[in-house]
């Protein structure tokens, strides 16, 4: 199977099993490799139990506890805690939250959030600092436990089935998790081991990922030598190691130069064409409007608006009216506010027919995402 431009994506079809650890950390050609995330049981996963995909401060890979023989048997048999029908898109919805709330003391980082992310969509979370975007993504990735409410990601509950979520989700936090003392190839091989992919699949996997993110020539370069934009691409490749159904990307364009942002936008479009569901947070509203099929606007932990960029623009216009800018012959500019298209037509008829004015330009202003964002948010800090 090939992706756009003939790129092979066979490398992304390795065993779809989550983070685990072999006894003694031995890697062989016949068994899945293992170095990874903490064991996930039935207890809720808190902030201190984040997956091992985030690098520690000293930049060295962590040492994790070994797994039980029962876990090995389940992986070797391809078994899950749930049947196959329990996973994947739920009626065409890849991510669903109902009344999701996260509280830190008296602060509500997320408050009563209910939304649905269609499978195969590029879904943008936008909002000012402190809106709750990063907290929401951390909950969906099973890194944080919600105070109340429920969530399902690719058919799995992040609280009761964190292992299932981590098998099916690629999470790229806003703080890059990279090990500076590894080469680019070693970095990806480490995470291939963390996801128990057999050593025989590593070469094809690494080749495919580096081609996808455009880092082929950096294969032997040390991670610490990469620019921020290259590290962002490497972090995205790491999130794709286990061929996830859903990608959770927290501010992936943060700190990138204009060229790198354009390349990232093209890469996300390519991933969507491969069938991935992408949930992305960003402050770059013009680019979000361009690449997202759906948008959710958040502020102070609350959901203010959700829908396609066009639908949200129409909702905002219904609430505050359409701003019409009229340019007359001679350079005069007049501004009007109308409720809908009927009033817009009546205004044009009145200006031209009734008032006899020479109208040079007649246009509706303020329907872009940035304008809608300014209309529905209040700049509230918490």
Protein backbone atom coordinates (compact mmCIF):
# COMPACT_ATOMS: atom_id res chain seq x y z
CA UNK A 1 0.00 0.00 0.00
CA UNK A 2 1.28 3.43 -0.86
CA UNK A 3 0.56 6.88 0.47
CA UNK A 4 0.48 10.12 -1.51
CA UNK A 5 3.31 10.63 -4.00
CA UNK A 6 3.99 6.90 -3.99
CA UNK A 7 5.35 6.84 -0.47
CA UNK A 8 5.21 3.38 1.02
CA UNK A 9 3.34 3.05 4.28
CA UNK A 10 3.88 -0.67 4.72
CA UNK A 11 6.35 0.24 7.45
CA UNK A 12 3.49 1.52 9.55
CA UNK A 13 1.67 -1.80 9.75
CA UNK A 14 3.70 -3.52 12.47
CA UNK A 15 2.05 -5.20 15.46
CA UNK A 16 -0.26 -2.63 17.02
CA UNK A 17 0.57 -3.32 20.66
CA UNK A 18 1.24 -0.78 23.35
CA UNK A 19 4.19 0.03 25.61
CA UNK A 20 5.60 -2.98 27.42
CA UNK A 21 8.83 -4.50 28.76
CA UNK A 22 10.46 -7.88 28.28
CA UNK A 23 12.09 -9.61 31.27
CA UNK A 24 15.66 -8.40 31.56
CA UNK A 25 15.21 -5.95 28.72
CA UNK A 26 16.71 -8.40 26.18
CA UNK A 27 15.98 -7.77 22.52
CA UNK A 28 16.05 -10.60 20.00
CA UNK A 29 15.13 -10.95 16.37
CA UNK A 30 12.33 -13.37 17.25
CA UNK A 31 10.65 -11.51 20.07
CA UNK A 32 9.31 -8.00 20.38
CA UNK A 33 11.79 -5.52 21.82
CA UNK A 34 11.03 -3.84 25.08
CA UNK A 35 11.98 -0.71 26.90
CA UNK A 36 9.14 1.42 27.93
CA UNK A 37 6.33 3.00 29.66
CA UNK A 38 5.11 2.14 33.14
CA UNK A 39 2.75 -0.75 33.50
CA UNK A 40 -0.87 0.31 33.14
CA UNK A 41 -3.32 -1.53 35.32
CA UNK A 42 -6.90 -0.91 36.32
CA UNK A 43 -6.08 2.12 38.46
CA UNK A 44 -6.49 5.58 36.96
CA UNK A 45 -3.32 6.93 35.38
CA UNK A 46 -2.25 10.19 36.97
CA UNK A 47 0.04 12.98 35.82
CA UNK A 48 3.04 11.27 37.39
CA UNK A 49 2.42 8.15 35.30
CA UNK A 50 3.04 9.72 31.91
CA UNK A 51 4.21 7.31 29.18
CA UNK A 52 7.94 6.84 28.75
CA UNK A 53 7.77 8.61 25.41
CA UNK A 54 8.57 11.86 27.21
CA UNK A 55 12.29 12.17 27.85
CA UNK A 56 13.52 12.77 31.41
CA UNK A 57 15.51 15.85 32.27
CA UNK A 58 18.86 14.05 32.03
CA UNK A 59 18.16 13.02 28.44
CA UNK A 60 18.78 9.31 29.11
CA UNK A 61 16.29 6.53 28.40
CA UNK A 62 14.49 5.37 31.56
CA UNK A 63 14.63 1.95 33.14
CA UNK A 64 11.16 0.51 33.59
CA UNK A 65 9.95 -2.44 35.67
CA UNK A 66 9.48 -5.78 33.99
CA UNK A 67 6.13 -7.20 32.97
CA UNK A 68 4.42 -10.34 34.12
CA UNK A 69 4.36 -13.54 32.12
CA UNK A 70 0.62 -13.09 31.68
CA UNK A 71 1.22 -9.81 29.90
CA UNK A 72 3.68 -11.52 27.55
CA UNK A 73 1.18 -14.20 26.70
CA UNK A 74 -1.52 -11.64 25.97
CA UNK A 75 0.81 -9.75 23.60
CA UNK A 76 2.03 -12.89 21.85
CA UNK A 77 -1.53 -14.05 21.29
CA UNK A 78 -2.52 -10.60 20.04
CA UNK A 79 -5.13 -10.46 22.79
CA UNK A 80 -6.55 -7.34 24.37
CA UNK A 81 -8.52 -6.63 27.50
CA UNK A 82 -11.50 -6.08 25.20
CA UNK A 83 -12.81 -7.67 22.06
CA UNK A 84 -11.88 -6.23 18.69
CA UNK A 85 -15.36 -4.78 18.30
CA UNK A 86 -14.81 -2.58 21.35
CA UNK A 87 -12.07 -0.55 19.64
CA UNK A 88 -11.76 1.78 16.71
CA UNK A 89 -14.14 4.52 15.61
CA UNK A 90 -17.42 4.48 17.52
CA UNK A 91 -20.12 5.07 14.95
CA UNK A 92 -17.79 7.24 12.89
CA UNK A 93 -16.59 9.13 15.99
CA UNK A 94 -12.90 8.72 16.87
CA UNK A 95 -12.96 10.78 20.08
CA UNK A 96 -15.95 11.50 22.32
CA UNK A 97 -16.08 13.36 25.64
CA UNK A 98 -19.12 13.81 27.85
CA UNK A 99 -19.07 16.30 30.72
CA UNK A 100 -15.28 16.05 30.92
CA UNK A 101 -13.93 18.05 33.87
CA UNK A 102 -10.46 18.44 35.34
CA UNK A 103 -9.95 20.38 38.55
CA UNK A 104 -6.70 21.38 40.24
CA UNK A 105 -7.72 22.57 43.68
CA UNK A 106 -10.08 25.48 43.10
CA UNK A 107 -9.06 25.85 39.46
CA UNK A 108 -11.14 24.20 36.74
CA UNK A 109 -8.72 23.56 33.88
CA UNK A 110 -11.50 21.83 31.90
CA UNK A 111 -15.16 22.27 32.77
CA UNK A 112 -18.02 20.10 31.46
CA UNK A 113 -16.47 19.52 28.02
CA UNK A 114 -18.64 17.52 25.62
CA UNK A 115 -17.52 17.10 22.02
CA UNK A 116 -17.19 14.56 19.22
CA UNK A 117 -14.27 14.23 16.81
CA UNK A 118 -15.29 12.53 13.54
CA UNK A 119 -13.03 9.69 12.39
CA UNK A 120 -10.61 10.81 9.68
CA UNK A 121 -10.97 14.51 10.49
CA UNK A 122 -8.40 17.16 11.36
CA UNK A 123 -9.94 18.62 14.50
CA UNK A 124 -8.51 21.87 15.86
CA UNK A 125 -8.63 22.97 19.49
CA UNK A 126 -8.09 26.71 19.72
CA UNK A 127 -8.24 29.10 22.61
CA UNK A 128 -6.17 31.58 24.62
CA UNK A 129 -3.54 30.48 27.14
CA UNK A 130 -5.19 28.65 30.02
CA UNK A 131 -8.17 27.60 27.92
CA UNK A 132 -7.69 23.91 28.80
CA UNK A 133 -6.42 22.62 25.47
CA UNK A 134 -3.27 20.89 26.77
CA UNK A 135 -5.15 19.44 29.75
CA UNK A 136 -7.80 18.02 27.43
CA UNK A 137 -5.18 16.35 25.21
CA UNK A 138 -3.36 14.95 28.27
CA UNK A 139 -6.60 13.37 29.49
CA UNK A 140 -7.31 11.87 26.07
CA UNK A 141 -3.76 10.46 26.00
CA UNK A 142 -4.29 8.80 29.43
CA UNK A 143 -1.61 10.98 31.04
CA UNK A 144 -4.05 12.83 33.33
CA UNK A 145 -7.12 11.45 35.06
CA UNK A 146 -10.27 13.59 34.79
CA UNK A 147 -12.03 14.76 37.95
CA UNK A 148 -15.37 13.78 36.42
CA UNK A 149 -16.96 13.03 33.08
CA UNK A 150 -16.03 10.40 30.53
CA UNK A 151 -13.95 10.11 27.38
CA UNK A 152 -13.47 7.49 24.71
CA UNK A 153 -10.58 7.51 22.27
CA UNK A 154 -10.60 5.00 19.40
CA UNK A 155 -13.19 3.07 21.40
CA UNK A 156 -11.13 2.96 24.63
CA UNK A 157 -11.62 4.70 27.97
CA UNK A 158 -8.40 6.53 28.97
CA UNK A 159 -9.11 5.89 32.68
CA UNK A 160 -10.07 2.22 32.70
CA UNK A 161 -8.17 1.11 29.59
CA UNK A 162 -5.08 3.31 29.39
CA UNK A 163 -3.14 0.47 27.74
CA UNK A 164 -5.72 0.28 24.96
CA UNK A 165 -5.55 4.04 24.43
CA UNK A 166 -1.75 4.02 24.23
CA UNK A 167 -1.86 1.28 21.61
CA UNK A 168 -4.10 3.36 19.39
CA UNK A 169 -3.00 6.93 20.07
CA UNK A 170 0.12 8.85 19.06
CA UNK A 171 0.66 11.71 21.52
CA UNK A 172 2.96 14.66 20.84
CA UNK A 173 3.02 16.96 23.91
CA UNK A 174 3.96 20.61 23.72
CA UNK A 175 7.29 19.86 25.45
CA UNK A 176 9.46 17.78 23.11
CA UNK A 177 10.49 14.42 24.51
CA UNK A 178 13.85 13.79 22.85
CA UNK A 179 17.02 12.04 24.04
CA UNK A 180 19.93 14.24 22.99
CA UNK A 181 22.55 11.50 23.36
CA UNK A 182 20.98 9.32 20.66
CA UNK A 183 21.14 9.55 16.89
CA UNK A 184 17.92 10.04 14.96
CA UNK A 185 17.87 6.37 13.96
CA UNK A 186 18.61 5.19 17.50
CA UNK A 187 15.87 7.43 18.85
CA UNK A 188 13.22 5.85 16.64
CA UNK A 189 14.59 2.34 17.24
CA UNK A 190 14.33 2.94 21.00
CA UNK A 191 10.63 3.65 20.67
CA UNK A 192 10.15 0.73 18.29
CA UNK A 193 11.50 -1.38 21.16
CA UNK A 194 9.25 0.46 23.61
CA UNK A 195 6.22 -0.56 21.56
CA UNK A 196 7.43 -4.17 21.34
CA UNK A 197 7.91 -4.12 17.59
CA UNK A 198 10.18 -6.96 16.43
CA UNK A 199 13.75 -5.98 15.54
CA UNK A 200 13.27 -7.36 12.01
CA UNK A 201 10.69 -4.61 11.35
CA UNK A 202 12.84 -1.71 12.58
CA UNK A 203 14.69 -0.89 9.36
CA UNK A 204 11.56 -0.63 7.24
CA UNK A 205 9.79 1.29 9.98
CA UNK A 206 12.59 3.83 10.43
CA UNK A 207 13.05 4.21 6.66
CA UNK A 208 9.34 4.91 6.19
CA UNK A 209 9.09 7.36 9.07
CA UNK A 210 12.16 9.34 8.07
CA UNK A 211 10.89 9.60 4.50
CA UNK A 212 7.45 10.68 5.70
CA UNK A 213 8.77 13.53 7.87
CA UNK A 214 11.61 14.48 5.50
CA UNK A 215 14.55 13.57 7.75
CA UNK A 216 16.24 10.90 5.62
CA UNK A 217 19.52 12.82 5.44
CA UNK A 218 19.57 13.20 9.25
CA UNK A 219 19.48 9.46 10.00
CA UNK A 220 22.91 9.40 11.65
CA UNK A 221 22.80 12.92 13.10
CA UNK A 222 22.63 13.31 16.86
CA UNK A 223 19.27 14.53 18.09
CA UNK A 224 20.90 17.42 19.95
CA UNK A 225 22.24 18.79 16.64
CA UNK A 226 18.78 19.16 15.09
CA UNK A 227 17.01 22.50 14.75
CA UNK A 228 13.74 22.97 16.62
CA UNK A 229 11.76 22.37 13.44
CA UNK A 230 13.59 19.10 12.82
CA UNK A 231 13.03 18.02 16.43
CA UNK A 232 9.32 18.72 15.95
CA UNK A 233 9.31 16.46 12.91
CA UNK A 234 11.23 13.78 14.77
CA UNK A 235 8.75 13.95 17.65
CA UNK A 236 5.93 13.48 15.16
CA UNK A 237 7.72 10.46 13.67
CA UNK A 238 8.03 9.04 17.19
CA UNK A 239 4.28 9.49 17.70
CA UNK A 240 3.72 7.41 14.52
CA UNK A 241 6.02 4.49 15.42
CA UNK A 242 3.18 2.14 16.41
CA UNK A 243 0.82 3.17 13.56
CA UNK A 244 -1.81 4.87 15.75
CA UNK A 245 -5.37 5.50 14.67
CA UNK A 246 -5.53 8.87 16.40
CA UNK A 247 -2.86 11.59 16.69
CA UNK A 248 -3.00 14.10 19.56
CA UNK A 249 -0.69 17.01 18.71
CA UNK A 250 -0.26 19.80 21.26
CA UNK A 251 1.03 23.00 19.64
CA UNK A 252 3.13 21.17 17.00
CA UNK A 253 3.85 24.42 15.13
CA UNK A 254 5.08 26.30 18.20
CA UNK A 255 8.42 27.97 17.55
CA UNK A 256 8.60 26.94 13.89
CA UNK A 257 9.65 29.34 11.14
CA UNK A 258 7.20 30.04 8.27
CA UNK A 259 8.73 27.45 5.95
CA UNK A 260 8.62 24.74 8.61
CA UNK A 261 4.97 25.58 9.31
CA UNK A 262 4.08 25.15 5.65
CA UNK A 263 5.87 21.79 5.59
CA UNK A 264 4.06 20.69 8.76
CA UNK A 265 0.71 21.63 7.23
CA UNK A 266 1.48 19.50 4.19
CA UNK A 267 2.57 16.59 6.37
CA UNK A 268 -0.67 16.69 8.38
CA UNK A 269 -2.68 16.69 5.16
CA UNK A 270 -0.74 13.62 4.03
CA UNK A 271 -1.40 11.84 7.34
CA UNK A 272 -5.10 12.61 7.06
CA UNK A 273 -5.11 11.10 3.57
CA UNK A 274 -3.69 7.93 5.16
CA UNK A 275 -6.82 7.70 7.31
CA UNK A 276 -5.47 9.15 10.56
CA UNK A 277 -7.69 11.19 12.85
CA UNK A 278 -5.75 14.26 14.00
CA UNK A 279 -6.60 16.40 17.02
CA UNK A 280 -4.37 19.46 17.08
CA UNK A 281 -4.11 22.52 19.30
CA UNK A 282 -2.61 25.76 18.06
CA UNK A 283 -2.64 29.53 18.41
CA UNK A 284 -2.01 30.09 14.69
CA UNK A 285 -5.63 30.67 13.74
CA UNK A 286 -5.15 31.40 10.05
CA UNK A 287 -3.42 28.05 9.53
CA UNK A 288 -5.97 26.19 11.64
CA UNK A 289 -8.75 27.58 9.46
CA UNK A 290 -6.89 26.36 6.38
CA UNK A 291 -6.06 22.80 7.46
CA UNK A 292 -8.83 21.82 9.93
CA UNK A 293 -12.10 20.23 8.89
CA UNK A 294 -13.55 20.95 12.35
CA UNK A 295 -12.80 23.54 15.04
CA UNK A 296 -13.57 23.80 18.76
CA UNK A 297 -13.05 27.14 20.52
CA UNK A 298 -12.30 26.93 24.25
CA UNK A 299 -11.84 29.53 26.96
CA UNK A 300 -11.38 29.14 30.72
CA UNK A 301 -11.95 25.39 30.36
CA UNK A 302 -15.32 25.76 28.63
CA UNK A 303 -16.37 24.93 25.09
CA UNK A 304 -17.67 28.08 23.36
CA UNK A 305 -18.23 26.93 19.78
CA UNK A 306 -17.72 23.80 17.69
CA UNK A 307 -18.21 22.91 14.04
CA UNK A 308 -16.55 23.44 10.69
CA UNK A 309 -14.82 26.81 10.25
CA UNK A 310 -17.67 27.84 7.93
CA UNK A 311 -20.35 26.78 10.42
CA UNK A 312 -18.68 28.62 13.30
CA UNK A 313 -18.39 31.74 11.16
CA UNK A 314 -22.11 31.53 10.32
CA UNK A 315 -22.99 31.09 14.02
CA UNK A 316 -20.97 34.16 14.95
CA UNK A 317 -22.64 36.21 12.23
CA UNK A 318 -26.07 35.20 13.49
CA UNK A 319 -25.12 36.32 16.99
CA UNK A 320 -23.59 39.72 16.20
CA UNK A 321 -24.73 40.38 12.64
CA UNK A 322 -22.83 40.78 9.39
CA UNK A 323 -20.48 43.70 9.00
CA UNK A 324 -20.83 45.19 5.52
CA UNK A 325 -18.24 47.61 4.13
CA UNK A 326 -19.31 49.82 1.23
CA UNK A 327 -16.85 51.82 -0.90
CA UNK A 328 -18.42 54.66 -2.87
CA UNK A 329 -17.09 56.58 -5.87
CA UNK A 330 -14.88 59.37 -4.66
CA UNK A 331 -13.30 57.28 -1.89
CA UNK A 332 -16.02 57.44 0.78
CA UNK A 333 -16.32 54.31 2.93
CA UNK A 334 -19.48 53.42 4.88
CA UNK A 335 -19.98 50.57 7.38
CA UNK A 336 -23.27 48.79 8.07
CA UNK A 337 -24.47 45.86 10.18
CA UNK A 338 -27.15 43.54 8.83
CA UNK A 339 -28.75 40.43 10.28
CA UNK A 340 -28.76 38.12 7.25
CA UNK A 341 -28.58 37.84 3.47
CA UNK A 342 -32.05 39.32 3.00
CA UNK A 343 -31.07 42.50 4.83
CA UNK A 344 -27.81 42.54 2.90
CA UNK A 345 -29.69 42.52 -0.44
CA UNK A 346 -32.11 45.17 0.80
CA UNK A 347 -29.19 47.39 1.85
CA UNK A 348 -27.56 47.13 -1.57
CA UNK A 349 -30.86 47.92 -3.33
CA UNK A 350 -31.45 50.94 -1.10
CA UNK A 351 -27.96 52.35 -1.70
CA UNK A 352 -28.01 51.87 -5.48
CA UNK A 353 -31.70 52.23 -6.45
CA UNK A 354 -33.25 54.40 -3.75
CA UNK A 355 -30.29 56.64 -2.86
CA UNK A 356 -28.69 56.60 -6.31
CA UNK A 357 -25.16 56.15 -4.95
CA UNK A 358 -22.25 54.95 -7.08
CA UNK A 359 -21.18 51.79 -5.22
CA UNK A 360 -17.68 50.69 -6.16
CA UNK A 361 -17.33 47.83 -3.64
CA UNK A 362 -19.83 46.03 -1.42
CA UNK A 363 -18.44 43.27 0.80
CA UNK A 364 -19.05 41.36 4.02
CA UNK A 365 -16.21 41.63 6.52
CA UNK A 366 -15.21 39.67 9.58
CA UNK A 367 -16.09 36.07 8.64
CA UNK A 368 -12.58 34.66 9.19
CA UNK A 369 -11.66 32.43 12.10
CA UNK A 370 -9.60 35.14 13.78
CA UNK A 371 -12.58 37.50 13.72
CA UNK A 372 -14.89 34.80 15.08
CA UNK A 373 -12.36 33.97 17.80
CA UNK A 374 -12.26 37.61 18.92
CA UNK A 375 -16.05 37.75 18.96
CA UNK A 376 -16.71 34.65 21.06
CA UNK A 377 -13.79 34.87 23.53
CA UNK A 378 -13.39 37.45 26.29
CA UNK A 379 -9.68 37.13 27.07
CA UNK A 380 -10.52 35.63 30.46
CA UNK A 381 -7.50 34.46 32.49
CA UNK A 382 -7.65 31.87 35.26
